[in-house]
Amino acid sequence: MTAERTWHKSSYSSGATGSSCVEVSLTQDALVRDTKNASGAVLAFSASAWRALINSL
C-alpha cells in the first residue's frame, strides 16, 4: 500500500541525528509516517479530513 506512493519529508526537518520528522503522501488520501520508521505504522486521513486538519493549523 505505501511502497508505490511518493513521500514528501517535512521542510522543517533539520536532518540532525535523533530529530523528529514526518513524511506525507498525498494521492487520493493523505498518509503520514515517521521518517525514521518508514515501514512502521501509518496514519491515514481522507482528503476532506486532511484539508480540515491543515486549515485548522
C-alpha atoms as a PDB file:
ATOM      1  CA  MET A   1       0.000   0.000   0.000  1.00  0.00           C
ATOM      2  CA  THR A   2       2.680   2.564   0.917  1.00  0.00           C
ATOM      3  CA  ALA A   3       5.598   1.318  -1.208  1.00  0.00           C
ATOM      4  CA  GLU A   4       4.325   2.661  -4.540  1.00  0.00           C
ATOM      5  CA  ARG A   5       3.481   6.124  -3.187  1.00  0.00           C
ATOM      6  CA  THR A   6       5.599   9.258  -3.362  1.00  0.00           C
ATOM      7  CA  TRP A   7       6.581  10.564   0.070  1.00  0.00           C
ATOM      8  CA  HIS A   8       7.490  14.160   0.949  1.00  0.00           C
ATOM      9  CA  LYS A   9       9.576  14.993   4.014  1.00  0.00           C
ATOM     10  CA  SER A  10       8.714  17.995   6.154  1.00  0.00           C
ATOM     11  CA  SER A  11      10.597  21.149   5.154  1.00  0.00           C
ATOM     12  CA  TYR A  12      11.154  21.728   8.879  1.00  0.00           C
ATOM     13  CA  SER A  13      13.289  18.608   9.176  1.00  0.00           C
ATOM     14  CA  SER A  14      16.768  19.545  10.322  1.00  0.00           C
ATOM     15  CA  GLY A  15      18.286  16.200   9.365  1.00  0.00           C
ATOM     16  CA  ALA A  16      20.098  16.047  12.688  1.00  0.00           C
ATOM     17  CA  THR A  17      20.514  12.669  14.359  1.00  0.00           C
ATOM     18  CA  GLY A  18      17.567  11.951  16.619  1.00  0.00           C
ATOM     19  CA  SER A  19      15.441  14.755  15.192  1.00  0.00           C
ATOM     20  CA  SER A  20      11.719  14.167  14.772  1.00  0.00           C
ATOM     21  CA  CYS A  21      10.315  14.281  11.280  1.00  0.00           C
ATOM     22  CA  VAL A  22       7.298  13.087   9.369  1.00  0.00           C
ATOM     23  CA  GLU A  23       6.622  12.326   5.730  1.00  0.00           C
ATOM     24  CA  VAL A  24       3.331  12.798   3.923  1.00  0.00           C
ATOM     25  CA  SER A  25       1.999  11.085   0.817  1.00  0.00           C
ATOM     26  CA  LEU A  26      -0.894  12.840  -0.880  1.00  0.00           C
ATOM     27  CA  THR A  27      -2.625  10.768  -3.534  1.00  0.00           C
ATOM     28  CA  GLN A  28      -6.383  10.191  -3.182  1.00  0.00           C
ATOM     29  CA  ASP A  29      -5.977  10.419   0.581  1.00  0.00           C
ATOM     30  CA  ALA A  30      -3.238  11.556   2.977  1.00  0.00           C
ATOM     31  CA  LEU A  31      -0.859   9.146   4.652  1.00  0.00           C
ATOM     32  CA  VAL A  32       1.573  10.276   7.359  1.00  0.00           C
ATOM     33  CA  ARG A  33       4.531   8.261   8.668  1.00  0.00           C
ATOM     34  CA  ASP A  34       7.635   8.645  10.807  1.00  0.00           C
ATOM     35  CA  THR A  35      10.671   9.256   8.601  1.00  0.00           C
ATOM     36  CA  LYS A  36      12.895   7.109  10.813  1.00  0.00           C
ATOM     37  CA  ASN A  37      10.461   4.164  10.641  1.00  0.00           C
ATOM     38  CA  ALA A  38       9.213   4.092   7.058  1.00  0.00           C
ATOM     39  CA  SER A  39       7.948   0.514   7.374  1.00  0.00           C
ATOM     40  CA  GLY A  40       6.105   1.241  10.625  1.00  0.00           C
ATOM     41  CA  ALA A  41       2.612   2.494  11.354  1.00  0.00           C
ATOM     42  CA  VAL A  42       0.922   4.969   9.025  1.00  0.00           C
ATOM     43  CA  LEU A  43      -1.829   7.438   9.864  1.00  0.00           C
ATOM     44  CA  ALA A  44      -4.460   7.659   7.128  1.00  0.00           C
ATOM     45  CA  PHE A  45      -6.717  10.664   6.546  1.00  0.00           C
ATOM     46  CA  SER A  46      -9.439  11.164   3.960  1.00  0.00           C
ATOM     47  CA  ALA A  47      -8.827  14.139   1.664  1.00  0.00           C
ATOM     48  CA  SER A  48     -11.502  16.184   3.437  1.00  0.00           C
ATOM     49  CA  ALA A  49     -10.150  15.328   6.904  1.00  0.00           C
ATOM     50  CA  TRP A  50      -6.617  16.288   5.804  1.00  0.00           C
ATOM     51  CA  ARG A  51      -7.853  19.648   4.447  1.00  0.00           C
ATOM     52  CA  ALA A  52      -9.696  20.318   7.702  1.00  0.00           C
ATOM     53  CA  LEU A  53      -6.562  19.490   9.720  1.00  0.00           C
ATOM     54  CA  ILE A  54      -4.315  21.736   7.623  1.00  0.00           C
ATOM     55  CA  ASN A  55      -6.846  24.575   7.630  1.00  0.00           C
ATOM     56  CA  SER A  56      -7.085  24.400  11.410  1.00  0.00           C
ATOM     57  CA  LEU A  57      -3.328  24.872  11.807  1.00  0.00           C
END
